[in-house]
């Protein structure tokens, strides 16, 4: 038996197309991981880490991971939570919240309607492909007599066709709702991409997942992080530290032959704006340099 056969490989399920898929493949690339064989197939391979990629529908990812057919997956929180609320038996577990592909699940009503709160939906029909999330939100707010109409697409036309009084769907810009004479009434769930794992993952695969998670955290942390360098009088260090956005304690280096002047280096985990630079200069900083960070691992 070959060494490659003996070595464990993590099976990672990801969405094969769509916004989440694009964001996922972009993140893997930033992690230094190349997905080979292209996205058009159902199976791909990563060589930089022992990972096989399953390209599937997003709705199938929680089940594939829960059943052990996949060891891990990247899925929208809305899909994961819907699976959790409607599942019988043990489901997948959240390994990490990734913070990208953010969206919101909203209830929407006709523009001419007056919406004064969740009680509006009492006795009304609401079309959605997220019955678990919708029912949970309604029941938590004391609405127990709304009728949920299950639809897997074209929710926006349900009120126009007389199939429902309102809808519950993912909203990005709201342009589609507006075109169909609808408006957002309430946000019931805010979603982001999640890294999920099969329950009871063995030690070897858990180590691979840990390595993947570490790379992802580093890549995500570096997206907005900046490395800031400047010179300043030692007495200005407290004021400069107060200005630097999202920074830990800076590194202070002596400048040869410059008396009280020091070099200040800091990693800022938030965007460094021109306003920050102007404020740094006003408290004594000079020769300010802001650099992008390609990779960062804590």
Protein backbone atom coordinates (compact mmCIF):
# COMPACT_ATOMS: atom_id res chain seq x y z
CA UNK A 1 0.00 0.00 0.00
CA UNK A 2 1.38 3.44 -0.97
CA UNK A 3 2.27 6.14 1.47
CA UNK A 4 -0.38 8.39 -0.14
CA UNK A 5 -3.05 5.76 0.52
CA UNK A 6 -1.93 5.39 4.12
CA UNK A 7 -2.01 9.12 4.81
CA UNK A 8 -5.40 10.49 5.88
CA UNK A 9 -7.01 13.18 3.75
CA UNK A 10 -9.71 15.55 4.93
CA UNK A 11 -12.86 15.66 2.77
CA UNK A 12 -14.06 19.27 2.56
CA UNK A 13 -17.51 20.02 1.09
CA UNK A 14 -17.94 23.44 -0.53
CA UNK A 15 -20.61 25.08 -2.66
CA UNK A 16 -19.90 24.44 -6.35
CA UNK A 17 -21.15 27.80 -7.64
CA UNK A 18 -22.52 31.11 -6.42
CA UNK A 19 -21.27 33.96 -4.24
CA UNK A 20 -20.26 31.72 -1.33
CA UNK A 21 -18.32 29.47 -3.73
CA UNK A 22 -16.45 32.45 -5.20
CA UNK A 23 -15.61 33.79 -1.73
CA UNK A 24 -14.52 30.33 -0.56
CA UNK A 25 -12.16 29.73 -3.48
CA UNK A 26 -10.75 33.24 -3.06
CA UNK A 27 -10.04 32.50 0.61
CA UNK A 28 -8.40 29.15 -0.19
CA UNK A 29 -6.16 30.93 -2.71
CA UNK A 30 -5.18 33.50 -0.07
CA UNK A 31 -4.33 30.57 2.20
CA UNK A 32 -1.84 29.35 -0.41
CA UNK A 33 -4.07 26.41 -1.35
CA UNK A 34 -4.69 25.59 -5.00
CA UNK A 35 -7.83 23.64 -5.87
CA UNK A 36 -6.91 21.44 -8.81
CA UNK A 37 -9.13 19.94 -11.56
CA UNK A 38 -11.37 23.02 -11.73
CA UNK A 39 -14.79 23.84 -10.32
CA UNK A 40 -16.86 22.14 -13.01
CA UNK A 41 -16.29 18.68 -11.54
CA UNK A 42 -17.68 17.18 -8.37
CA UNK A 43 -14.27 16.33 -6.92
CA UNK A 44 -11.04 18.31 -6.64
CA UNK A 45 -7.80 18.03 -4.71
CA UNK A 46 -5.56 20.32 -2.69
CA UNK A 47 -1.90 19.28 -2.60
CA UNK A 48 -0.51 21.88 -0.18
CA UNK A 49 -2.57 20.24 2.60
CA UNK A 50 -4.02 16.70 2.50
CA UNK A 51 -7.52 17.86 1.55
CA UNK A 52 -10.00 16.58 -1.03
CA UNK A 53 -12.74 19.00 -2.07
CA UNK A 54 -16.32 17.91 -2.79
CA UNK A 55 -18.18 20.42 -5.00
CA UNK A 56 -21.87 20.20 -4.08
CA UNK A 57 -25.09 22.17 -3.56
CA UNK A 58 -25.00 24.36 -0.47
CA UNK A 59 -28.18 22.77 0.93
CA UNK A 60 -26.46 19.35 0.89
CA UNK A 61 -23.37 20.39 2.87
CA UNK A 62 -24.76 20.08 6.44
CA UNK A 63 -26.10 16.59 5.72
CA UNK A 64 -22.88 15.43 4.04
CA UNK A 65 -20.87 16.58 7.05
CA UNK A 66 -23.32 15.30 9.67
CA UNK A 67 -23.37 11.85 8.04
CA UNK A 68 -19.57 11.66 7.76
CA UNK A 69 -19.61 11.57 3.96
CA UNK A 70 -17.58 14.77 4.27
CA UNK A 71 -15.33 15.56 7.23
CA UNK A 72 -15.84 19.32 7.08
CA UNK A 73 -17.58 21.96 5.02
CA UNK A 74 -17.92 25.67 4.36
CA UNK A 75 -21.55 26.77 4.39
CA UNK A 76 -23.70 29.80 5.00
CA UNK A 77 -24.93 30.19 8.57
CA UNK A 78 -28.51 30.42 7.28
CA UNK A 79 -28.24 26.97 5.67
CA UNK A 80 -26.52 25.47 8.73
CA UNK A 81 -29.06 26.91 11.18
CA UNK A 82 -32.01 25.79 9.03
CA UNK A 83 -30.56 22.27 9.02
CA UNK A 84 -30.07 22.36 12.79
CA UNK A 85 -33.65 23.47 13.44
CA UNK A 86 -35.23 20.86 11.14
CA UNK A 87 -32.85 17.93 11.66
CA UNK A 88 -33.59 14.69 13.46
CA UNK A 89 -30.44 13.39 15.11
CA UNK A 90 -26.92 14.70 15.59
CA UNK A 91 -25.77 17.35 13.14
CA UNK A 92 -22.48 18.94 12.19
CA UNK A 93 -20.70 21.25 14.63
CA UNK A 94 -19.34 24.75 14.04
CA UNK A 95 -15.53 24.74 13.86
CA UNK A 96 -15.17 28.46 13.17
CA UNK A 97 -17.13 31.52 12.07
CA UNK A 98 -15.36 32.91 9.01
CA UNK A 99 -16.95 36.34 8.73
CA UNK A 100 -17.33 36.55 4.93
CA UNK A 101 -20.32 36.12 2.58
CA UNK A 102 -22.48 38.02 5.04
CA UNK A 103 -26.20 38.31 4.23
CA UNK A 104 -29.50 38.64 6.04
CA UNK A 105 -32.71 36.65 6.03
CA UNK A 106 -35.68 39.00 6.04
CA UNK A 107 -39.46 38.96 6.03
CA UNK A 108 -40.95 41.25 3.38
CA UNK A 109 -44.47 42.58 2.85
CA UNK A 110 -46.21 44.55 0.12
CA UNK A 111 -45.18 48.21 -0.08
CA UNK A 112 -48.71 49.38 0.65
CA UNK A 113 -48.93 47.43 3.92
CA UNK A 114 -48.32 49.00 7.34
CA UNK A 115 -45.97 46.80 9.36
CA UNK A 116 -45.97 47.41 13.11
CA UNK A 117 -44.20 44.27 14.29
CA UNK A 118 -44.26 40.45 14.13
CA UNK A 119 -47.93 40.33 15.18
CA UNK A 120 -48.63 41.44 11.60
CA UNK A 121 -48.08 37.83 10.49
CA UNK A 122 -50.77 36.37 12.75
CA UNK A 123 -53.14 34.39 10.52
CA UNK A 124 -51.18 35.22 7.36
CA UNK A 125 -49.37 33.04 4.82
CA UNK A 126 -45.61 33.50 4.47
CA UNK A 127 -43.67 31.90 1.58
CA UNK A 128 -40.10 30.77 2.30
CA UNK A 129 -37.48 28.10 1.78
CA UNK A 130 -36.39 28.52 5.43
CA UNK A 131 -39.37 27.16 7.40
CA UNK A 132 -37.32 26.28 10.48
CA UNK A 133 -35.77 29.72 10.90
CA UNK A 134 -39.04 31.49 10.13
CA UNK A 135 -41.11 29.36 12.50
CA UNK A 136 -38.55 29.77 15.29
CA UNK A 137 -38.53 33.57 14.84
CA UNK A 138 -42.34 33.78 14.82
CA UNK A 139 -42.81 31.53 17.86
CA UNK A 140 -40.21 33.45 19.88
CA UNK A 141 -42.37 36.53 19.27
CA UNK A 142 -45.65 34.86 20.18
CA UNK A 143 -46.98 34.31 16.66
CA UNK A 144 -48.24 30.72 16.48
CA UNK A 145 -50.96 30.88 13.84
CA UNK A 146 -49.03 32.02 10.76
CA UNK A 147 -49.09 29.56 7.85
CA UNK A 148 -45.69 28.83 6.32
CA UNK A 149 -45.79 28.08 2.58
CA UNK A 150 -42.71 26.13 1.50
CA UNK A 151 -41.19 27.36 -1.78
CA UNK A 152 -37.73 26.73 -3.23
CA UNK A 153 -37.54 29.76 -5.49
CA UNK A 154 -39.35 32.77 -6.95
CA UNK A 155 -40.57 33.83 -3.51
CA UNK A 156 -41.00 37.44 -4.66
CA UNK A 157 -43.94 36.61 -6.93
CA UNK A 158 -45.84 34.58 -4.30
CA UNK A 159 -47.90 37.56 -3.02
CA UNK A 160 -48.70 38.66 -6.58
CA UNK A 161 -49.95 35.16 -7.42
CA UNK A 162 -52.04 34.99 -4.26
CA UNK A 163 -49.95 32.14 -2.83
CA UNK A 164 -48.87 34.12 0.25
CA UNK A 165 -49.34 37.44 2.01
CA UNK A 166 -45.62 37.91 2.64
CA UNK A 167 -42.26 36.24 2.01
CA UNK A 168 -39.12 35.33 3.96
CA UNK A 169 -35.94 35.24 1.90
CA UNK A 170 -32.28 36.23 1.68
CA UNK A 171 -31.90 39.94 0.93
CA UNK A 172 -28.80 41.70 -0.38
CA UNK A 173 -29.61 45.04 -2.01
CA UNK A 174 -33.41 44.80 -1.87
CA UNK A 175 -33.68 45.62 -5.60
CA UNK A 176 -35.58 42.40 -6.40
CA UNK A 177 -38.08 43.09 -3.65
CA UNK A 178 -38.60 46.63 -4.91
CA UNK A 179 -39.20 45.40 -8.47
CA UNK A 180 -41.92 43.09 -7.19
CA UNK A 181 -43.67 45.69 -5.03
CA UNK A 182 -42.28 44.42 -1.72
CA UNK A 183 -40.34 45.99 1.17
CA UNK A 184 -38.27 44.59 4.02
CA UNK A 185 -40.34 44.41 7.21
CA UNK A 186 -37.87 42.75 9.59
CA UNK A 187 -34.52 40.96 9.65
CA UNK A 188 -34.87 37.55 11.28
CA UNK A 189 -31.32 36.17 10.89
CA UNK A 190 -27.88 37.55 10.01
CA UNK A 191 -25.68 35.03 8.29
CA UNK A 192 -21.99 34.54 7.52
CA UNK A 193 -19.85 31.70 6.20
CA UNK A 194 -19.12 28.93 8.70
CA UNK A 195 -16.50 26.20 8.79
CA UNK A 196 -18.32 23.12 10.06
CA UNK A 197 -17.05 19.67 11.00
CA UNK A 198 -18.38 16.17 11.45
CA UNK A 199 -19.03 15.17 15.06
CA UNK A 200 -16.32 12.92 16.49
CA UNK A 201 -13.65 13.73 13.91
CA UNK A 202 -10.59 11.50 14.46
CA UNK A 203 -7.29 12.96 15.68
CA UNK A 204 -5.48 12.88 12.33
CA UNK A 205 -8.25 14.66 10.46
CA UNK A 206 -8.77 17.09 13.33
CA UNK A 207 -5.11 18.10 12.95
CA UNK A 208 -5.61 18.75 9.23
CA UNK A 209 -8.74 20.78 10.00
CA UNK A 210 -6.77 22.74 12.60
CA UNK A 211 -4.08 23.55 10.03
CA UNK A 212 -6.74 24.71 7.55
CA UNK A 213 -8.45 26.81 10.20
CA UNK A 214 -5.13 28.42 11.15
CA UNK A 215 -4.44 29.40 7.55
CA UNK A 216 -7.95 30.76 7.13
CA UNK A 217 -7.72 32.87 10.28
CA UNK A 218 -4.38 34.25 9.14
CA UNK A 219 -5.69 35.10 5.66
CA UNK A 220 -8.84 36.71 7.02
CA UNK A 221 -6.96 38.67 9.68
CA UNK A 222 -4.59 40.09 7.07
CA UNK A 223 -7.35 41.42 4.80
CA UNK A 224 -7.75 44.71 6.63
CA UNK A 225 -4.58 44.62 8.71
CA UNK A 226 -1.83 47.14 8.06
CA UNK A 227 1.77 47.35 9.19
CA UNK A 228 2.48 50.93 10.29
CA UNK A 229 5.94 52.38 10.82
CA UNK A 230 6.94 55.90 11.86
CA UNK A 231 9.50 57.94 13.75
CA UNK A 232 8.53 60.02 16.77
CA UNK A 233 9.84 61.45 20.05
CA UNK A 234 9.73 58.92 22.86
CA UNK A 235 7.40 61.24 24.77
CA UNK A 236 4.78 60.89 21.98
CA UNK A 237 4.45 57.09 22.32
CA UNK A 238 1.30 57.14 24.53
CA UNK A 239 -0.52 59.60 22.24
CA UNK A 240 0.47 57.63 19.11
CA UNK A 241 -0.63 54.33 20.66
CA UNK A 242 -4.04 55.88 21.40
CA UNK A 243 -4.47 56.89 17.75
CA UNK A 244 -3.46 53.61 16.06
CA UNK A 245 -6.69 51.72 15.16
CA UNK A 246 -7.05 48.15 16.45
CA UNK A 247 -3.40 47.92 17.49
CA UNK A 248 -1.72 46.01 20.28
CA UNK A 249 1.30 47.49 22.08
CA UNK A 250 3.72 48.79 19.41
CA UNK A 251 7.35 47.77 18.98
CA UNK A 252 9.74 50.57 19.93
CA UNK A 253 13.22 50.68 18.34
CA UNK A 254 16.06 53.07 19.13
CA UNK A 255 17.21 55.28 16.25
CA UNK A 256 21.01 55.50 16.02
CA UNK A 257 22.29 58.98 16.74
CA UNK A 258 18.81 60.51 17.06
CA UNK A 259 18.69 61.21 20.78
CA UNK A 260 15.09 61.02 22.02
CA UNK A 261 13.71 59.87 18.64
CA UNK A 262 12.49 56.27 18.24
CA UNK A 263 11.01 54.12 15.50
CA UNK A 264 7.49 52.82 16.21
CA UNK A 265 6.23 49.70 14.44
CA UNK A 266 2.69 48.38 14.89
CA UNK A 267 0.20 45.96 13.32
CA UNK A 268 -3.24 47.57 13.05
CA UNK A 269 -6.15 45.16 12.72
CA UNK A 270 -8.47 47.84 11.33
CA UNK A 271 -8.31 50.12 8.29
CA UNK A 272 -5.80 52.95 8.66
CA UNK A 273 -7.44 56.06 7.21
CA UNK A 274 -5.94 59.36 6.08
CA UNK A 275 -7.54 60.90 9.14
CA UNK A 276 -5.44 58.59 11.32
CA UNK A 277 -2.26 59.68 9.52
CA UNK A 278 -3.08 63.35 10.02
CA UNK A 279 -3.71 62.74 13.72
CA UNK A 280 -0.47 60.78 14.08
CA UNK A 281 1.44 63.66 12.51
CA UNK A 282 -0.27 66.14 14.82
CA UNK A 283 1.00 64.29 17.92
CA UNK A 284 4.60 64.19 16.70
CA UNK A 285 4.97 61.29 14.24
CA UNK A 286 7.01 61.67 11.05
CA UNK A 287 8.11 59.46 8.12
CA UNK A 288 4.84 57.50 8.48
CA UNK A 289 4.67 54.38 6.31
CA UNK A 290 1.60 52.10 5.94
CA UNK A 291 2.05 48.67 4.34
CA UNK A 292 -0.41 45.94 3.36
CA UNK A 293 0.03 42.57 5.07
CA UNK A 294 -0.04 39.58 2.74
CA UNK A 295 -0.09 36.88 5.43
CA UNK A 296 -0.48 36.93 9.20
CA UNK A 297 -0.50 34.04 11.65
CA UNK A 298 -1.09 34.59 15.36
